[in-house]
Amino acid sequence: MNTLAYDGPGPWVLFFPVVWAAVVLGAFTLLRRAGVLRGGRPPWRGVRPAVPGSSPIALLGRRFAAGEIDEEEYWRRLSVLGEQFGRTGDAP
């Protein structure tokens, strides 16, 4: 009777764990580079403002309130910003 000799799985059995480790490390590296694991937004989600409420219209209102620009310059710049960014509730 013919019987097959079986010497165990052989060294090729290490191939699958090595492949899975490469997949996991690759996914981890991609997520880290995208900023997902660092608490930031991924690059495809857009840029968030540095300071909440720092829209150009709000910044213009703060400059006018601080006295850096006069009323005429405020209204002139506000009309330009209103056309470009749309009117929001940020303006005083």
PDB file of N, CA and C in Angstrom:
ATOM      1  N   MET A   1       0.843  -1.177   0.000  1.00  0.00           N
ATOM      2  CA  MET A   1       0.000   0.000   0.000  1.00  0.00           C
ATOM      3  C   MET A   1       0.883   1.233   0.000  1.00  0.00           C
ATOM      4  N   ASN A   2       0.486   2.173  -0.802  1.00  0.00           N
ATOM      5  CA  ASN A   2       1.234   3.422  -0.874  1.00  0.00           C
ATOM      6  C   ASN A   2       0.751   4.392   0.199  1.00  0.00           C
ATOM      7  N   THR A   3       1.651   4.943   0.955  1.00  0.00           N
ATOM      8  CA  THR A   3       1.324   5.975   1.931  1.00  0.00           C
ATOM      9  C   THR A   3       2.206   7.177   1.665  1.00  0.00           C
ATOM     10  N   LEU A   4       1.625   8.334   1.867  1.00  0.00           N
ATOM     11  CA  LEU A   4       2.375   9.580   1.677  1.00  0.00           C
ATOM     12  C   LEU A   4       3.083   9.935   2.981  1.00  0.00           C
ATOM     13  N   ALA A   5       4.303  10.297   2.867  1.00  0.00           N
ATOM     14  CA  ALA A   5       5.051  10.713   4.048  1.00  0.00           C
ATOM     15  C   ALA A   5       4.709  12.173   4.338  1.00  0.00           C
ATOM     16  N   TYR A   6       4.435  12.490   5.585  1.00  0.00           N
ATOM     17  CA  TYR A   6       4.077  13.849   5.976  1.00  0.00           C
ATOM     18  C   TYR A   6       5.074  14.322   7.019  1.00  0.00           C
ATOM     19  N   ASP A   7       5.841  15.343   6.643  1.00  0.00           N
ATOM     20  CA  ASP A   7       6.867  15.864   7.540  1.00  0.00           C
ATOM     21  C   ASP A   7       6.456  17.158   8.227  1.00  0.00           C
ATOM     22  N   GLY A   8       5.223  17.548   8.193  1.00  0.00           N
ATOM     23  CA  GLY A   8       4.768  18.795   8.797  1.00  0.00           C
ATOM     24  C   GLY A   8       4.535  19.850   7.730  1.00  0.00           C
ATOM     25  N   PRO A   9       4.129  21.025   8.136  1.00  0.00           N
ATOM     26  CA  PRO A   9       3.744  22.051   7.173  1.00  0.00           C
ATOM     27  C   PRO A   9       4.918  22.633   6.387  1.00  0.00           C
ATOM     28  N   GLY A  10       6.088  22.601   6.907  1.00  0.00           N
ATOM     29  CA  GLY A  10       7.236  23.139   6.193  1.00  0.00           C
ATOM     30  C   GLY A  10       7.399  24.633   6.416  1.00  0.00           C
ATOM     31  N   PRO A  11       8.442  25.206   5.845  1.00  0.00           N
ATOM     32  CA  PRO A  11       8.720  26.630   6.090  1.00  0.00           C
ATOM     33  C   PRO A  11       7.732  27.572   5.413  1.00  0.00           C
ATOM     34  N   TRP A  12       6.972  27.106   4.423  1.00  0.00           N
ATOM     35  CA  TRP A  12       6.024  27.991   3.738  1.00  0.00           C
ATOM     36  C   TRP A  12       4.891  28.436   4.644  1.00  0.00           C
ATOM     37  N   VAL A  13       4.691  27.774   5.800  1.00  0.00           N
ATOM     38  CA  VAL A  13       3.610  28.137   6.709  1.00  0.00           C
ATOM     39  C   VAL A  13       3.839  29.545   7.293  1.00  0.00           C
ATOM     40  N   LEU A  14       5.067  30.038   7.270  1.00  0.00           N
ATOM     41  CA  LEU A  14       5.354  31.394   7.759  1.00  0.00           C
ATOM     42  C   LEU A  14       4.934  32.472   6.761  1.00  0.00           C
ATOM     43  N   PHE A  15       4.625  32.087   5.538  1.00  0.00           N
ATOM     44  CA  PHE A  15       4.270  33.048   4.504  1.00  0.00           C
ATOM     45  C   PHE A  15       2.996  33.836   4.857  1.00  0.00           C
ATOM     46  N   PHE A  16       1.970  33.156   5.331  1.00  0.00           N
ATOM     47  CA  PHE A  16       0.701  33.823   5.612  1.00  0.00           C
ATOM     48  C   PHE A  16       0.794  34.822   6.768  1.00  0.00           C
ATOM     49  N   PRO A  17       1.415  34.499   7.899  1.00  0.00           N
ATOM     50  CA  PRO A  17       1.561  35.520   8.950  1.00  0.00           C
ATOM     51  C   PRO A  17       2.387  36.726   8.497  1.00  0.00           C
ATOM     52  N   VAL A  18       3.389  36.502   7.671  1.00  0.00           N
ATOM     53  CA  VAL A  18       4.196  37.615   7.176  1.00  0.00           C
ATOM     54  C   VAL A  18       3.355  38.509   6.270  1.00  0.00           C
ATOM     55  N   VAL A  19       2.533  37.918   5.433  1.00  0.00           N
ATOM     56  CA  VAL A  19       1.658  38.705   4.555  1.00  0.00           C
ATOM     57  C   VAL A  19       0.666  39.510   5.376  1.00  0.00           C
ATOM     58  N   TRP A  20       0.037  38.904   6.368  1.00  0.00           N
ATOM     59  CA  TRP A  20      -0.925  39.640   7.200  1.00  0.00           C
ATOM     60  C   TRP A  20      -0.246  40.750   7.999  1.00  0.00           C
ATOM     61  N   ALA A  21       0.951  40.515   8.483  1.00  0.00           N
ATOM     62  CA  ALA A  21       1.681  41.566   9.201  1.00  0.00           C
ATOM     63  C   ALA A  21       1.977  42.736   8.268  1.00  0.00           C
ATOM     64  N   ALA A  22       2.336  42.450   7.023  1.00  0.00           N
ATOM     65  CA  ALA A  22       2.596  43.527   6.063  1.00  0.00           C
ATOM     66  C   ALA A  22       1.318  44.311   5.764  1.00  0.00           C
ATOM     67  N   VAL A  23       0.192  43.638   5.658  1.00  0.00           N
ATOM     68  CA  VAL A  23      -1.085  44.324   5.404  1.00  0.00           C
ATOM     69  C   VAL A  23      -1.457  45.225   6.581  1.00  0.00           C
ATOM     70  N   VAL A  24      -1.336  44.713   7.793  1.00  0.00           N
ATOM     71  CA  VAL A  24      -1.681  45.507   8.984  1.00  0.00           C
ATOM     72  C   VAL A  24      -0.744  46.701   9.130  1.00  0.00           C
ATOM     73  N   LEU A  25       0.546  46.499   8.956  1.00  0.00           N
ATOM     74  CA  LEU A  25       1.491  47.610   9.068  1.00  0.00           C
ATOM     75  C   LEU A  25       1.272  48.642   7.964  1.00  0.00           C
ATOM     76  N   GLY A  26       0.951  48.185   6.767  1.00  0.00           N
ATOM     77  CA  GLY A  26       0.666  49.120   5.674  1.00  0.00           C
ATOM     78  C   GLY A  26      -0.563  49.964   5.957  1.00  0.00           C
ATOM     79  N   ALA A  27      -1.631  49.332   6.464  1.00  0.00           N
ATOM     80  CA  ALA A  27      -2.845  50.084   6.800  1.00  0.00           C
ATOM     81  C   ALA A  27      -2.570  51.080   7.925  1.00  0.00           C
ATOM     82  N   PHE A  28      -1.819  50.654   8.929  1.00  0.00           N
ATOM     83  CA  PHE A  28      -1.467  51.542  10.040  1.00  0.00           C
ATOM     84  C   PHE A  28      -0.666  52.741   9.548  1.00  0.00           C
ATOM     85  N   THR A  29       0.278  52.508   8.660  1.00  0.00           N
ATOM     86  CA  THR A  29       1.109  53.586   8.125  1.00  0.00           C
ATOM     87  C   THR A  29       0.274  54.565   7.311  1.00  0.00           C
ATOM     88  N   LEU A  30      -0.635  54.049   6.481  1.00  0.00           N
ATOM     89  CA  LEU A  30      -1.490  54.940   5.688  1.00  0.00           C
ATOM     90  C   LEU A  30      -2.400  55.782   6.569  1.00  0.00           C
ATOM     91  N   LEU A  31      -2.988  55.188   7.589  1.00  0.00           N
ATOM     92  CA  LEU A  31      -3.864  55.944   8.487  1.00  0.00           C
ATOM     93  C   LEU A  31      -3.080  56.984   9.276  1.00  0.00           C
ATOM     94  N   ARG A  32      -1.865  56.637   9.687  1.00  0.00           N
ATOM     95  CA  ARG A  32      -1.044  57.609  10.425  1.00  0.00           C
ATOM     96  C   ARG A  32      -0.641  58.777   9.544  1.00  0.00           C
ATOM     97  N   ARG A  33      -0.244  58.485   8.297  1.00  0.00           N
ATOM     98  CA  ARG A  33       0.139  59.566   7.391  1.00  0.00           C
ATOM     99  C   ARG A  33      -1.041  60.451   7.025  1.00  0.00           C
ATOM    100  N   ALA A  34      -2.230  59.886   6.986  1.00  0.00           N
ATOM    101  CA  ALA A  34      -3.422  60.661   6.654  1.00  0.00           C
ATOM    102  C   ALA A  34      -3.868  61.531   7.824  1.00  0.00           C
ATOM    103  N   GLY A  35      -3.355  61.292   9.004  1.00  0.00           N
ATOM    104  CA  GLY A  35      -3.707  62.106  10.158  1.00  0.00           C
ATOM    105  C   GLY A  35      -4.860  61.554  10.959  1.00  0.00           C
ATOM    106  N   VAL A  36      -5.404  60.424  10.578  1.00  0.00           N
ATOM    107  CA  VAL A  36      -6.549  59.870  11.279  1.00  0.00           C
ATOM    108  C   VAL A  36      -6.150  59.425  12.680  1.00  0.00           C
ATOM    109  N   LEU A  37      -5.002  58.839  12.836  1.00  0.00           N
ATOM    110  CA  LEU A  37      -4.573  58.325  14.138  1.00  0.00           C
ATOM    111  C   LEU A  37      -3.990  59.404  15.036  1.00  0.00           C
ATOM    112  N   ARG A  38      -3.720  60.590  14.493  1.00  0.00           N
ATOM    113  CA  ARG A  38      -3.164  61.686  15.298  1.00  0.00           C
ATOM    114  C   ARG A  38      -4.238  62.652  15.754  1.00  0.00           C
ATOM    115  N   GLY A  39      -5.492  62.346  15.521  1.00  0.00           N
ATOM    116  CA  GLY A  39      -6.571  63.212  15.953  1.00  0.00           C
ATOM    117  C   GLY A  39      -6.910  64.299  14.961  1.00  0.00           C
ATOM    118  N   GLY A  40      -6.211  64.378  13.867  1.00  0.00           N
ATOM    119  CA  GLY A  40      -6.502  65.387  12.857  1.00  0.00           C
ATOM    120  C   GLY A  40      -7.456  64.868  11.815  1.00  0.00           C
ATOM    121  N   ARG A  41      -7.781  65.713  10.881  1.00  0.00           N
ATOM    122  CA  ARG A  41      -8.646  65.307   9.787  1.00  0.00           C
ATOM    123  C   ARG A  41      -7.798  64.777   8.642  1.00  0.00           C
ATOM    124  N   PRO A  42      -8.313  63.801   7.955  1.00  0.00           N
ATOM    125  CA  PRO A  42      -7.588  63.344   6.772  1.00  0.00           C
ATOM    126  C   PRO A  42      -7.581  64.417   5.695  1.00  0.00           C
ATOM    127  N   PRO A  43      -6.613  64.411   4.814  1.00  0.00           N
ATOM    128  CA  PRO A  43      -6.496  65.482   3.831  1.00  0.00           C
ATOM    129  C   PRO A  43      -7.683  65.588   2.897  1.00  0.00           C
ATOM    130  N   TRP A  44      -8.413  64.518   2.682  1.00  0.00           N
ATOM    131  CA  TRP A  44      -9.547  64.580   1.763  1.00  0.00           C
ATOM    132  C   TRP A  44     -10.788  65.186   2.398  1.00  0.00           C
ATOM    133  N   ARG A  45     -10.766  65.513   3.690  1.00  0.00           N
ATOM    134  CA  ARG A  45     -11.926  66.090   4.359  1.00  0.00           C
ATOM    135  C   ARG A  45     -11.899  67.614   4.372  1.00  0.00           C
ATOM    136  N   GLY A  46     -10.864  68.239   3.853  1.00  0.00           N
ATOM    137  CA  GLY A  46     -10.792  69.690   3.823  1.00  0.00           C
ATOM    138  C   GLY A  46     -10.035  70.246   5.012  1.00  0.00           C
ATOM    139  N   VAL A  47      -9.841  71.523   4.998  1.00  0.00           N
ATOM    140  CA  VAL A  47      -9.062  72.193   6.030  1.00  0.00           C
ATOM    141  C   VAL A  47     -10.025  72.883   6.985  1.00  0.00           C
ATOM    142  N   ARG A  48      -9.823  72.672   8.255  1.00  0.00           N
ATOM    143  CA  ARG A  48     -10.665  73.367   9.225  1.00  0.00           C
ATOM    144  C   ARG A  48      -9.981  74.665   9.646  1.00  0.00           C
ATOM    145  N   PRO A  49     -10.745  75.683  10.014  1.00  0.00           N
ATOM    146  CA  PRO A  49     -10.131  76.952  10.401  1.00  0.00           C
ATOM    147  C   PRO A  49      -9.295  76.798  11.671  1.00  0.00           C
ATOM    148  N   ALA A  50      -8.265  77.620  11.767  1.00  0.00           N
ATOM    149  CA  ALA A  50      -7.362  77.545  12.906  1.00  0.00           C
ATOM    150  C   ALA A  50      -8.069  77.940  14.198  1.00  0.00           C
ATOM    151  N   VAL A  51      -8.909  78.941  14.151  1.00  0.00           N
ATOM    152  CA  VAL A  51      -9.628  79.419  15.318  1.00  0.00           C
ATOM    153  C   VAL A  51     -11.111  79.417  14.973  1.00  0.00           C
ATOM    154  N   PRO A  52     -11.967  78.846  15.832  1.00  0.00           N
ATOM    155  CA  PRO A  52     -13.398  78.880  15.533  1.00  0.00           C
ATOM    156  C   PRO A  52     -13.895  80.315  15.404  1.00  0.00           C
ATOM    157  N   GLY A  53     -14.705  80.570  14.402  1.00  0.00           N
ATOM    158  CA  GLY A  53     -15.219  81.916  14.183  1.00  0.00           C
ATOM    159  C   GLY A  53     -14.226  82.828  13.503  1.00  0.00           C
ATOM    160  N   SER A  54     -13.245  82.287  12.828  1.00  0.00           N
ATOM    161  CA  SER A  54     -12.235  83.119  12.186  1.00  0.00           C
ATOM    162  C   SER A  54     -12.532  83.297  10.701  1.00  0.00           C
ATOM    163  N   SER A  55     -13.791  83.463  10.366  1.00  0.00           N
ATOM    164  CA  SER A  55     -14.134  83.722   8.975  1.00  0.00           C
ATOM    165  C   SER A  55     -13.662  85.138   8.614  1.00  0.00           C
ATOM    166  N   PRO A  56     -13.485  85.420   7.345  1.00  0.00           N
ATOM    167  CA  PRO A  56     -13.029  86.753   6.948  1.00  0.00           C
ATOM    168  C   PRO A  56     -13.987  87.862   7.385  1.00  0.00           C
ATOM    169  N   ILE A  57     -15.277  87.581   7.377  1.00  0.00           N
ATOM    170  CA  ILE A  57     -16.252  88.604   7.782  1.00  0.00           C
ATOM    171  C   ILE A  57     -16.148  88.871   9.283  1.00  0.00           C
ATOM    172  N   ALA A  58     -15.966  87.805  10.085  1.00  0.00           N
ATOM    173  CA  ALA A  58     -15.805  87.997  11.529  1.00  0.00           C
ATOM    174  C   ALA A  58     -14.509  88.737  11.839  1.00  0.00           C
ATOM    175  N   LEU A  59     -13.466  88.424  11.103  1.00  0.00           N
ATOM    176  CA  LEU A  59     -12.185  89.115  11.301  1.00  0.00           C
ATOM    177  C   LEU A  59     -12.313  90.598  10.956  1.00  0.00           C
ATOM    178  N   LEU A  60     -13.026  90.900   9.898  1.00  0.00           N
ATOM    179  CA  LEU A  60     -13.250  92.297   9.527  1.00  0.00           C
ATOM    180  C   LEU A  60     -14.036  93.027  10.616  1.00  0.00           C
ATOM    181  N   GLY A  61     -15.037  92.357  11.168  1.00  0.00           N
ATOM    182  CA  GLY A  61     -15.805  92.956  12.263  1.00  0.00           C
ATOM    183  C   GLY A  61     -14.950  93.232  13.484  1.00  0.00           C
ATOM    184  N   ARG A  62     -14.045  92.313  13.804  1.00  0.00           N
ATOM    185  CA  ARG A  62     -13.150  92.534  14.943  1.00  0.00           C
ATOM    186  C   ARG A  62     -12.193  93.696  14.698  1.00  0.00           C
ATOM    187  N   ARG A  63     -11.697  93.816  13.460  1.00  0.00           N
ATOM    188  CA  ARG A  63     -10.799  94.936  13.140  1.00  0.00           C
ATOM    189  C   ARG A  63     -11.533  96.266  13.245  1.00  0.00           C
ATOM    190  N   PHE A  64     -12.791  96.297  12.804  1.00  0.00           N
ATOM    191  CA  PHE A  64     -13.576  97.522  12.903  1.00  0.00           C
ATOM    192  C   PHE A  64     -13.858  97.858  14.374  1.00  0.00           C
ATOM    193  N   ALA A  65     -14.189  96.850  15.168  1.00  0.00           N
ATOM    194  CA  ALA A  65     -14.468  97.086  16.588  1.00  0.00           C
ATOM    195  C   ALA A  65     -13.220  97.545  17.340  1.00  0.00           C
ATOM    196  N   ALA A  66     -12.048  97.088  16.908  1.00  0.00           N
ATOM    197  CA  ALA A  66     -10.808  97.484  17.572  1.00  0.00           C
ATOM    198  C   ALA A  66     -10.320  98.856  17.113  1.00  0.00           C
ATOM    199  N   GLY A  67     -10.949  99.421  16.075  1.00  0.00           N
ATOM    200  CA  GLY A  67     -10.556 100.732  15.592  1.00  0.00           C
ATOM    201  C   GLY A  67      -9.419 100.707  14.592  1.00  0.00           C
ATOM    202  N   GLU A  68      -9.095  99.554  14.049  1.00  0.00           N
ATOM    203  CA  GLU A  68      -8.018  99.465  13.073  1.00  0.00           C
ATOM    204  C   GLU A  68      -8.427 100.029  11.714  1.00  0.00           C
ATOM    205  N   ILE A  69      -9.705  99.934  11.390  1.00  0.00           N
ATOM    206  CA  ILE A  69     -10.209 100.480  10.119  1.00  0.00           C
ATOM    207  C   ILE A  69     -11.399 101.369  10.426  1.00  0.00           C
ATOM    208  N   ASP A  70     -11.662 102.336   9.542  1.00  0.00           N
ATOM    209  CA  ASP A  70     -12.798 103.231   9.758  1.00  0.00           C
ATOM    210  C   ASP A  70     -14.062 102.626   9.142  1.00  0.00           C
ATOM    211  N   GLU A  71     -15.197 103.341   9.334  1.00  0.00           N
ATOM    212  CA  GLU A  71     -16.489 102.815   8.903  1.00  0.00           C
ATOM    213  C   GLU A  71     -16.589 102.692   7.383  1.00  0.00           C
ATOM    214  N   GLU A  72     -16.036 103.662   6.675  1.00  0.00           N
ATOM    215  CA  GLU A  72     -16.096 103.606   5.211  1.00  0.00           C
ATOM    216  C   GLU A  72     -15.355 102.392   4.672  1.00  0.00           C
ATOM    217  N   GLU A  73     -14.150 102.136   5.201  1.00  0.00           N
ATOM    218  CA  GLU A  73     -13.375 100.978   4.754  1.00  0.00           C
ATOM    219  C   GLU A  73     -14.062  99.677   5.170  1.00  0.00           C
ATOM    220  N   TYR A  74     -14.698  99.680   6.353  1.00  0.00           N
ATOM    221  CA  TYR A  74     -15.420  98.491   6.811  1.00  0.00           C
ATOM    222  C   TYR A  74     -16.524  98.120   5.825  1.00  0.00           C
ATOM    223  N   TRP A  75     -17.359  99.106   5.447  1.00  0.00           N
ATOM    224  CA  TRP A  75     -18.484  98.805   4.550  1.00  0.00           C
ATOM    225  C   TRP A  75     -17.997  98.436   3.152  1.00  0.00           C
ATOM    226  N   ARG A  76     -16.928  99.048   2.703  1.00  0.00           N
ATOM    227  CA  ARG A  76     -16.393  98.720   1.379  1.00  0.00           C
ATOM    228  C   ARG A  76     -15.883  97.274   1.359  1.00  0.00           C
ATOM    229  N   ARG A  77     -15.118  96.909   2.361  1.00  0.00           N
ATOM    230  CA  ARG A  77     -14.593  95.536   2.417  1.00  0.00           C
ATOM    231  C   ARG A  77     -15.691  94.519   2.693  1.00  0.00           C
ATOM    232  N   LEU A  78     -16.688  94.901   3.493  1.00  0.00           N
ATOM    233  CA  LEU A  78     -17.787  93.991   3.781  1.00  0.00           C
ATOM    234  C   LEU A  78     -18.591  93.681   2.522  1.00  0.00           C
ATOM    235  N   SER A  79     -18.772  94.672   1.648  1.00  0.00           N
ATOM    236  CA  SER A  79     -19.514  94.415   0.411  1.00  0.00           C
ATOM    237  C   SER A  79     -18.747  93.436  -0.486  1.00  0.00           C
ATOM    238  N   VAL A  80     -17.425  93.575  -0.525  1.00  0.00           N
ATOM    239  CA  VAL A  80     -16.619  92.647  -1.332  1.00  0.00           C
ATOM    240  C   VAL A  80     -16.670  91.247  -0.726  1.00  0.00           C
ATOM    241  N   LEU A  81     -16.518  91.148   0.591  1.00  0.00           N
ATOM    242  CA  LEU A  81     -16.548  89.839   1.242  1.00  0.00           C
ATOM    243  C   LEU A  81     -17.934  89.213   1.152  1.00  0.00           C
ATOM    244  N   GLY A  82     -18.969  90.035   1.209  1.00  0.00           N
ATOM    245  CA  GLY A  82     -20.331  89.514   1.087  1.00  0.00           C
ATOM    246  C   GLY A  82     -20.574  88.887  -0.271  1.00  0.00           C
ATOM    247  N   GLU A  83     -19.988  89.461  -1.310  1.00  0.00           N
ATOM    248  CA  GLU A  83     -20.131  88.879  -2.641  1.00  0.00           C
ATOM    249  C   GLU A  83     -19.333  87.575  -2.759  1.00  0.00           C
ATOM    250  N   GLN A  84     -18.147  87.550  -2.155  1.00  0.00           N
ATOM    251  CA  GLN A  84     -17.279  86.383  -2.309  1.00  0.00           C
ATOM    252  C   GLN A  84     -17.674  85.237  -1.380  1.00  0.00           C
ATOM    253  N   PHE A  85     -17.966  85.511  -0.112  1.00  0.00           N
ATOM    254  CA  PHE A  85     -18.213  84.460   0.862  1.00  0.00           C
ATOM    255  C   PHE A  85     -19.683  84.319   1.239  1.00  0.00           C
ATOM    256  N   GLY A  86     -20.508  85.222   0.829  1.00  0.00           N
ATOM    257  CA  GLY A  86     -21.916  85.164   1.198  1.00  0.00           C
ATOM    258  C   GLY A  86     -22.128  85.763   2.574  1.00  0.00           C
ATOM    259  N   ARG A  87     -23.287  86.295   2.789  1.00  0.00           N
ATOM    260  CA  ARG A  87     -23.595  86.899   4.080  1.00  0.00           C
ATOM    261  C   ARG A  87     -23.837  85.803   5.096  1.00  0.00           C
ATOM    262  N   THR A  88     -23.188  85.912   6.237  1.00  0.00           N
ATOM    263  CA  THR A  88     -23.404  84.976   7.328  1.00  0.00           C
ATOM    264  C   THR A  88     -23.743  85.767   8.574  1.00  0.00           C
ATOM    265  N   GLY A  89     -24.041  85.081   9.636  1.00  0.00           N
ATOM    266  CA  GLY A  89     -24.360  85.744  10.887  1.00  0.00           C
ATOM    267  C   GLY A  89     -23.134  86.210  11.645  1.00  0.00           C
ATOM    268  N   ASP A  90     -21.950  86.098  11.048  1.00  0.00           N
ATOM    269  CA  ASP A  90     -20.727  86.482  11.751  1.00  0.00           C
ATOM    270  C   ASP A  90     -20.507  87.988  11.787  1.00  0.00           C
ATOM    271  N   ALA A  91     -21.105  88.726  10.853  1.00  0.00           N
ATOM    272  CA  ALA A  91     -20.876  90.165  10.781  1.00  0.00           C
ATOM    273  C   ALA A  91     -21.614  90.860  11.922  1.00  0.00           C
ATOM    274  N   PRO A  92     -21.010  91.902  12.505  1.00  0.00           N
ATOM    275  CA  PRO A  92     -21.674  92.616  13.604  1.00  0.00           C
ATOM    276  C   PRO A  92     -22.823  93.453  13.117  1.00  0.00           C
TER     277      PRO A  92
END
